[in-house]
Amino acid sequence: ARYNAQMSEQISNLGLNTLKMRALAVLS
């Protein structure tokens, strides 16, 4: 949860949320 909260701040300006980020990470 802490990791996701940190990442949420970084990715929100890209139009991403935690799930979208995880999906892109897996797809990469």
PDB file of all heavy atoms in Angstrom:
ATOM      1  N   ALA A   1       0.832  -1.206   0.000  1.00  0.00           N
ATOM      2  CA  ALA A   1       0.000   0.000   0.000  1.00  0.00           C
ATOM      3  C   ALA A   1       0.868   1.258   0.000  1.00  0.00           C
ATOM      4  O   ALA A   1       0.565   2.228  -0.709  1.00  0.00           O
ATOM      5  CB  ALA A   1      -0.939   0.000   1.209  1.00  0.00           C
ATOM      6  N   ARG A   2       1.942   1.259   0.772  1.00  0.00           N
ATOM      7  CA  ARG A   2       2.841   2.421   0.796  1.00  0.00           C
ATOM      8  C   ARG A   2       3.523   2.616  -0.551  1.00  0.00           C
ATOM      9  O   ARG A   2       3.652   3.735  -1.041  1.00  0.00           O
ATOM     10  CB  ARG A   2       3.887   2.259   1.891  1.00  0.00           C
ATOM     11  CG  ARG A   2       3.334   2.454   3.278  1.00  0.00           C
ATOM     12  CD  ARG A   2       4.401   2.269   4.316  1.00  0.00           C
ATOM     13  NE  ARG A   2       3.869   2.510   5.652  1.00  0.00           N
ATOM     14  CZ  ARG A   2       4.612   2.491   6.736  1.00  0.00           C
ATOM     15  NH1 ARG A   2       5.909   2.244   6.664  1.00  0.00           N
ATOM     16  NH2 ARG A   2       4.059   2.718   7.914  1.00  0.00           N
ATOM     17  N   TYR A   3       3.983   1.523  -1.147  1.00  0.00           N
ATOM     18  CA  TYR A   3       4.616   1.601  -2.468  1.00  0.00           C
ATOM     19  C   TYR A   3       3.622   2.149  -3.489  1.00  0.00           C
ATOM     20  O   TYR A   3       3.945   3.047  -4.263  1.00  0.00           O
ATOM     21  CB  TYR A   3       5.124   0.212  -2.881  1.00  0.00           C
ATOM     22  CG  TYR A   3       5.750   0.179  -4.254  1.00  0.00           C
ATOM     23  CD1 TYR A   3       7.079   0.547  -4.438  1.00  0.00           C
ATOM     24  CD2 TYR A   3       5.009  -0.213  -5.362  1.00  0.00           C
ATOM     25  CE1 TYR A   3       7.655   0.519  -5.700  1.00  0.00           C
ATOM     26  CE2 TYR A   3       5.585  -0.241  -6.627  1.00  0.00           C
ATOM     27  CZ  TYR A   3       6.906   0.125  -6.790  1.00  0.00           C
ATOM     28  OH  TYR A   3       7.459   0.106  -8.049  1.00  0.00           O
ATOM     29  N   ASN A   4       2.402   1.611  -3.478  1.00  0.00           N
ATOM     30  CA  ASN A   4       1.382   2.065  -4.422  1.00  0.00           C
ATOM     31  C   ASN A   4       1.041   3.537  -4.209  1.00  0.00           C
ATOM     32  O   ASN A   4       0.825   4.270  -5.176  1.00  0.00           O
ATOM     33  CB  ASN A   4       0.125   1.201  -4.319  1.00  0.00           C
ATOM     34  CG  ASN A   4       0.343  -0.180  -4.893  1.00  0.00           C
ATOM     35  OD1 ASN A   4       1.192  -0.395  -5.757  1.00  0.00           O
ATOM     36  ND2 ASN A   4      -0.420  -1.136  -4.409  1.00  0.00           N
ATOM     37  N   ALA A   5       1.001   3.981  -2.969  1.00  0.00           N
ATOM     38  CA  ALA A   5       0.709   5.388  -2.685  1.00  0.00           C
ATOM     39  C   ALA A   5       1.825   6.279  -3.229  1.00  0.00           C
ATOM     40  O   ALA A   5       1.552   7.326  -3.833  1.00  0.00           O
ATOM     41  CB  ALA A   5       0.532   5.600  -1.187  1.00  0.00           C
ATOM     42  N   GLN A   6       3.071   5.859  -3.040  1.00  0.00           N
ATOM     43  CA  GLN A   6       4.197   6.623  -3.593  1.00  0.00           C
ATOM     44  C   GLN A   6       4.102   6.698  -5.109  1.00  0.00           C
ATOM     45  O   GLN A   6       4.290   7.748  -5.702  1.00  0.00           O
ATOM     46  CB  GLN A   6       5.531   5.970  -3.227  1.00  0.00           C
ATOM     47  CG  GLN A   6       6.019   6.259  -1.842  1.00  0.00           C
ATOM     48  CD  GLN A   6       7.364   5.593  -1.626  1.00  0.00           C
ATOM     49  OE1 GLN A   6       7.513   4.384  -1.807  1.00  0.00           O
ATOM     50  NE2 GLN A   6       8.344   6.374  -1.237  1.00  0.00           N
ATOM     51  N   MET A   7       3.812   5.568  -5.732  1.00  0.00           N
ATOM     52  CA  MET A   7       3.748   5.527  -7.182  1.00  0.00           C
ATOM     53  C   MET A   7       2.555   6.318  -7.707  1.00  0.00           C
ATOM     54  O   MET A   7       2.638   6.937  -8.758  1.00  0.00           O
ATOM     55  CB  MET A   7       3.684   4.082  -7.680  1.00  0.00           C
ATOM     56  CG  MET A   7       4.974   3.309  -7.489  1.00  0.00           C
ATOM     57  SD  MET A   7       6.444   4.170  -8.090  1.00  0.00           S
ATOM     58  CE  MET A   7       5.975   4.610  -9.734  1.00  0.00           C
ATOM     59  N   SER A   8       1.466   6.313  -6.979  1.00  0.00           N
ATOM     60  CA  SER A   8       0.269   7.028  -7.404  1.00  0.00           C
ATOM     61  C   SER A   8       0.564   8.497  -7.650  1.00  0.00           C
ATOM     62  O   SER A   8       0.082   9.083  -8.617  1.00  0.00           O
ATOM     63  CB  SER A   8      -0.826   6.864  -6.347  1.00  0.00           C
ATOM     64  OG  SER A   8      -1.996   7.498  -6.770  1.00  0.00           O
ATOM     65  N   GLU A   9       1.368   9.086  -6.783  1.00  0.00           N
ATOM     66  CA  GLU A   9       1.746  10.489  -6.953  1.00  0.00           C
ATOM     67  C   GLU A   9       2.537  10.693  -8.247  1.00  0.00           C
ATOM     68  O   GLU A   9       2.371  11.694  -8.927  1.00  0.00           O
ATOM     69  CB  GLU A   9       2.579  10.954  -5.761  1.00  0.00           C
ATOM     70  CG  GLU A   9       1.816  11.011  -4.460  1.00  0.00           C
ATOM     71  CD  GLU A   9       2.710  11.340  -3.273  1.00  0.00           C
ATOM     72  OE1 GLU A   9       3.824  11.873  -3.472  1.00  0.00           O
ATOM     73  OE2 GLU A   9       2.283  11.062  -2.140  1.00  0.00           O
ATOM     74  N   GLN A  10       3.385   9.735  -8.572  1.00  0.00           N
ATOM     75  CA  GLN A  10       4.243   9.855  -9.748  1.00  0.00           C
ATOM     76  C   GLN A  10       3.495   9.632 -11.060  1.00  0.00           C
ATOM     77  O   GLN A  10       3.855  10.194 -12.084  1.00  0.00           O
ATOM     78  CB  GLN A  10       5.397   8.842  -9.671  1.00  0.00           C
ATOM     79  CG  GLN A  10       6.299   9.003  -8.481  1.00  0.00           C
ATOM     80  CD  GLN A  10       7.170  10.238  -8.595  1.00  0.00           C
ATOM     81  OE1 GLN A  10       7.514  10.675  -9.679  1.00  0.00           O
ATOM     82  NE2 GLN A  10       7.520  10.811  -7.459  1.00  0.00           N
ATOM     83  N   ILE A  11       2.464   8.791 -11.040  1.00  0.00           N
ATOM     84  CA  ILE A  11       1.838   8.364 -12.291  1.00  0.00           C
ATOM     85  C   ILE A  11       0.531   9.081 -12.612  1.00  0.00           C
ATOM     86  O   ILE A  11       0.070   9.018 -13.747  1.00  0.00           O
ATOM     87  CB  ILE A  11       1.603   6.839 -12.296  1.00  0.00           C
ATOM     88  CG1 ILE A  11       0.630   6.425 -11.192  1.00  0.00           C
ATOM     89  CG2 ILE A  11       2.920   6.099 -12.192  1.00  0.00           C
ATOM     90  CD1 ILE A  11       0.282   4.952 -11.173  1.00  0.00           C
ATOM     91  N   SER A  12      -0.047   9.738 -11.639  1.00  0.00           N
ATOM     92  CA  SER A  12      -1.359  10.357 -11.875  1.00  0.00           C
ATOM     93  C   SER A  12      -1.304  11.417 -12.969  1.00  0.00           C
ATOM     94  O   SER A  12      -2.251  11.554 -13.744  1.00  0.00           O
ATOM     95  CB  SER A  12      -1.926  10.938 -10.584  1.00  0.00           C
ATOM     96  OG  SER A  12      -1.082  11.959 -10.092  1.00  0.00           O
ATOM     97  N   ASN A  13      -0.191  12.129 -13.066  1.00  0.00           N
ATOM     98  CA  ASN A  13      -0.085  13.159 -14.108  1.00  0.00           C
ATOM     99  C   ASN A  13       0.041  12.553 -15.509  1.00  0.00           C
ATOM    100  O   ASN A  13      -0.086  13.263 -16.495  1.00  0.00           O
ATOM    101  CB  ASN A  13       1.078  14.119 -13.830  1.00  0.00           C
ATOM    102  CG  ASN A  13       2.421  13.422 -13.820  1.00  0.00           C
ATOM    103  OD1 ASN A  13       2.493  12.216 -13.640  1.00  0.00           O
ATOM    104  ND2 ASN A  13       3.479  14.177 -14.002  1.00  0.00           N
ATOM    105  N   LEU A  14       0.286  11.246 -15.594  1.00  0.00           N
ATOM    106  CA  LEU A  14       0.336  10.553 -16.890  1.00  0.00           C
ATOM    107  C   LEU A  14      -1.000   9.907 -17.239  1.00  0.00           C
ATOM    108  O   LEU A  14      -1.114   9.193 -18.236  1.00  0.00           O
ATOM    109  CB  LEU A  14       1.429   9.477 -16.866  1.00  0.00           C
ATOM    110  CG  LEU A  14       2.862   9.968 -16.667  1.00  0.00           C
ATOM    111  CD1 LEU A  14       3.804   8.799 -16.439  1.00  0.00           C
ATOM    112  CD2 LEU A  14       3.303  10.785 -17.862  1.00  0.00           C
ATOM    113  N   GLY A  15      -2.009  10.134 -16.385  1.00  0.00           N
ATOM    114  CA  GLY A  15      -3.318   9.531 -16.622  1.00  0.00           C
ATOM    115  C   GLY A  15      -3.367   8.072 -16.214  1.00  0.00           C
ATOM    116  O   GLY A  15      -4.254   7.338 -16.648  1.00  0.00           O
ATOM    117  N   LEU A  16      -2.422   7.653 -15.392  1.00  0.00           N
ATOM    118  CA  LEU A  16      -2.376   6.260 -14.958  1.00  0.00           C
ATOM    119  C   LEU A  16      -2.829   6.146 -13.504  1.00  0.00           C
ATOM    120  O   LEU A  16      -2.722   7.087 -12.734  1.00  0.00           O
ATOM    121  CB  LEU A  16      -0.958   5.701 -15.064  1.00  0.00           C
ATOM    122  CG  LEU A  16      -0.336   5.620 -16.455  1.00  0.00           C
ATOM    123  CD1 LEU A  16       1.100   5.132 -16.356  1.00  0.00           C
ATOM    124  CD2 LEU A  16      -1.140   4.706 -17.355  1.00  0.00           C
ATOM    125  N   ASN A  17      -3.296   4.970 -13.162  1.00  0.00           N
ATOM    126  CA  ASN A  17      -3.513   4.615 -11.762  1.00  0.00           C
ATOM    127  C   ASN A  17      -2.669   3.370 -11.493  1.00  0.00           C
ATOM    128  O   ASN A  17      -1.974   2.876 -12.384  1.00  0.00           O
ATOM    129  CB  ASN A  17      -5.005   4.400 -11.472  1.00  0.00           C
ATOM    130  CG  ASN A  17      -5.622   3.302 -12.320  1.00  0.00           C
ATOM    131  OD1 ASN A  17      -4.946   2.373 -12.770  1.00  0.00           O
ATOM    132  ND2 ASN A  17      -6.917   3.402 -12.558  1.00  0.00           N
ATOM    133  N   THR A  18      -2.731   2.880 -10.284  1.00  0.00           N
ATOM    134  CA  THR A  18      -1.886   1.745  -9.902  1.00  0.00           C
ATOM    135  C   THR A  18      -2.137   0.523 -10.782  1.00  0.00           C
ATOM    136  O   THR A  18      -1.195  -0.132 -11.232  1.00  0.00           O
ATOM    137  CB  THR A  18      -2.118   1.384  -8.422  1.00  0.00           C
ATOM    138  OG1 THR A  18      -1.839   2.542  -7.628  1.00  0.00           O
ATOM    139  CG2 THR A  18      -1.216   0.265  -7.970  1.00  0.00           C
ATOM    140  N   LEU A  19      -3.390   0.220 -11.057  1.00  0.00           N
ATOM    141  CA  LEU A  19      -3.702  -0.960 -11.872  1.00  0.00           C
ATOM    142  C   LEU A  19      -3.189  -0.809 -13.298  1.00  0.00           C
ATOM    143  O   LEU A  19      -2.597  -1.739 -13.853  1.00  0.00           O
ATOM    144  CB  LEU A  19      -5.201  -1.243 -11.870  1.00  0.00           C
ATOM    145  CG  LEU A  19      -5.652  -2.398 -12.757  1.00  0.00           C
ATOM    146  CD1 LEU A  19      -4.870  -3.679 -12.461  1.00  0.00           C
ATOM    147  CD2 LEU A  19      -7.134  -2.626 -12.603  1.00  0.00           C
ATOM    148  N   LYS A  20      -3.388   0.344 -13.891  1.00  0.00           N
ATOM    149  CA  LYS A  20      -2.883   0.554 -15.253  1.00  0.00           C
ATOM    150  C   LYS A  20      -1.366   0.438 -15.280  1.00  0.00           C
ATOM    151  O   LYS A  20      -0.789  -0.136 -16.200  1.00  0.00           O
ATOM    152  CB  LYS A  20      -3.318   1.924 -15.773  1.00  0.00           C
ATOM    153  CG  LYS A  20      -4.794   2.053 -16.048  1.00  0.00           C
ATOM    154  CD  LYS A  20      -5.068   3.467 -16.544  1.00  0.00           C
ATOM    155  CE  LYS A  20      -6.506   3.829 -16.579  1.00  0.00           C
ATOM    156  NZ  LYS A  20      -6.705   5.228 -16.987  1.00  0.00           N
ATOM    157  N   MET A  21      -0.704   0.988 -14.243  1.00  0.00           N
ATOM    158  CA  MET A  21       0.749   0.900 -14.163  1.00  0.00           C
ATOM    159  C   MET A  21       1.191  -0.562 -14.058  1.00  0.00           C
ATOM    160  O   MET A  21       2.116  -0.987 -14.750  1.00  0.00           O
ATOM    161  CB  MET A  21       1.257   1.696 -12.958  1.00  0.00           C
ATOM    162  CG  MET A  21       2.761   1.590 -12.745  1.00  0.00           C
ATOM    163  SD  MET A  21       3.283   2.184 -11.112  1.00  0.00           S
ATOM    164  CE  MET A  21       2.556   0.970 -10.025  1.00  0.00           C
ATOM    165  N   ARG A  22       0.516  -1.330 -13.198  1.00  0.00           N
ATOM    166  CA  ARG A  22       0.883  -2.739 -13.048  1.00  0.00           C
ATOM    167  C   ARG A  22       0.659  -3.501 -14.344  1.00  0.00           C
ATOM    168  O   ARG A  22       1.470  -4.341 -14.735  1.00  0.00           O
ATOM    169  CB  ARG A  22       0.096  -3.386 -11.907  1.00  0.00           C
ATOM    170  CG  ARG A  22       0.575  -2.969 -10.541  1.00  0.00           C
ATOM    171  CD  ARG A  22       0.047  -3.842  -9.430  1.00  0.00           C
ATOM    172  NE  ARG A  22      -1.365  -4.092  -9.479  1.00  0.00           N
ATOM    173  CZ  ARG A  22      -2.229  -3.759  -8.536  1.00  0.00           C
ATOM    174  NH1 ARG A  22      -1.823  -3.146  -7.451  1.00  0.00           N
ATOM    175  NH2 ARG A  22      -3.506  -4.048  -8.670  1.00  0.00           N
ATOM    176  N   ALA A  23      -0.446  -3.207 -15.031  1.00  0.00           N
ATOM    177  CA  ALA A  23      -0.722  -3.882 -16.298  1.00  0.00           C
ATOM    178  C   ALA A  23       0.358  -3.556 -17.318  1.00  0.00           C
ATOM    179  O   ALA A  23       0.881  -4.459 -17.994  1.00  0.00           O
ATOM    180  CB  ALA A  23      -2.098  -3.491 -16.827  1.00  0.00           C
ATOM    181  N   LEU A  24       0.732  -2.282 -17.431  1.00  0.00           N
ATOM    182  CA  LEU A  24       1.800  -1.907 -18.371  1.00  0.00           C
ATOM    183  C   LEU A  24       3.121  -2.557 -17.982  1.00  0.00           C
ATOM    184  O   LEU A  24       3.892  -2.981 -18.849  1.00  0.00           O
ATOM    185  CB  LEU A  24       1.946  -0.388 -18.443  1.00  0.00           C
ATOM    186  CG  LEU A  24       0.836   0.365 -19.168  1.00  0.00           C
ATOM    187  CD1 LEU A  24       1.080   1.873 -19.084  1.00  0.00           C
ATOM    188  CD2 LEU A  24       0.709  -0.076 -20.621  1.00  0.00           C
ATOM    189  N   ALA A  25       3.395  -2.639 -16.682  1.00  0.00           N
ATOM    190  CA  ALA A  25       4.641  -3.278 -16.217  1.00  0.00           C
ATOM    191  C   ALA A  25       4.682  -4.730 -16.661  1.00  0.00           C
ATOM    192  O   ALA A  25       5.691  -5.210 -17.204  1.00  0.00           O
ATOM    193  CB  ALA A  25       4.763  -3.169 -14.697  1.00  0.00           C
ATOM    194  N   VAL A  26       3.584  -5.457 -16.456  1.00  0.00           N
ATOM    195  CA  VAL A  26       3.525  -6.860 -16.867  1.00  0.00           C
ATOM    196  C   VAL A  26       3.654  -6.971 -18.380  1.00  0.00           C
ATOM    197  O   VAL A  26       4.425  -7.790 -18.893  1.00  0.00           O
ATOM    198  CB  VAL A  26       2.215  -7.524 -16.379  1.00  0.00           C
ATOM    199  CG1 VAL A  26       2.053  -8.917 -16.972  1.00  0.00           C
ATOM    200  CG2 VAL A  26       2.174  -7.574 -14.854  1.00  0.00           C
ATOM    201  N   LEU A  27       2.916  -6.131 -19.097  1.00  0.00           N
ATOM    202  CA  LEU A  27       2.950  -6.185 -20.562  1.00  0.00           C
ATOM    203  C   LEU A  27       4.313  -5.812 -21.122  1.00  0.00           C
ATOM    204  O   LEU A  27       4.664  -6.226 -22.226  1.00  0.00           O
ATOM    205  CB  LEU A  27       1.871  -5.267 -21.149  1.00  0.00           C
ATOM    206  CG  LEU A  27       0.428  -5.705 -20.893  1.00  0.00           C
ATOM    207  CD1 LEU A  27      -0.543  -4.621 -21.336  1.00  0.00           C
ATOM    208  CD2 LEU A  27       0.132  -7.033 -21.575  1.00  0.00           C
ATOM    209  N   SER A  28       5.090  -5.050 -20.372  1.00  0.00           N
ATOM    210  CA  SER A  28       6.431  -4.692 -20.838  1.00  0.00           C
ATOM    211  C   SER A  28       7.386  -5.881 -20.772  1.00  0.00           C
ATOM    212  O   SER A  28       8.432  -5.877 -21.409  1.00  0.00           O
ATOM    213  CB  SER A  28       6.991  -3.521 -20.029  1.00  0.00           C
ATOM    214  OG  SER A  28       7.427  -3.945 -18.751  1.00  0.00           O
TER     215      SER A  28
END
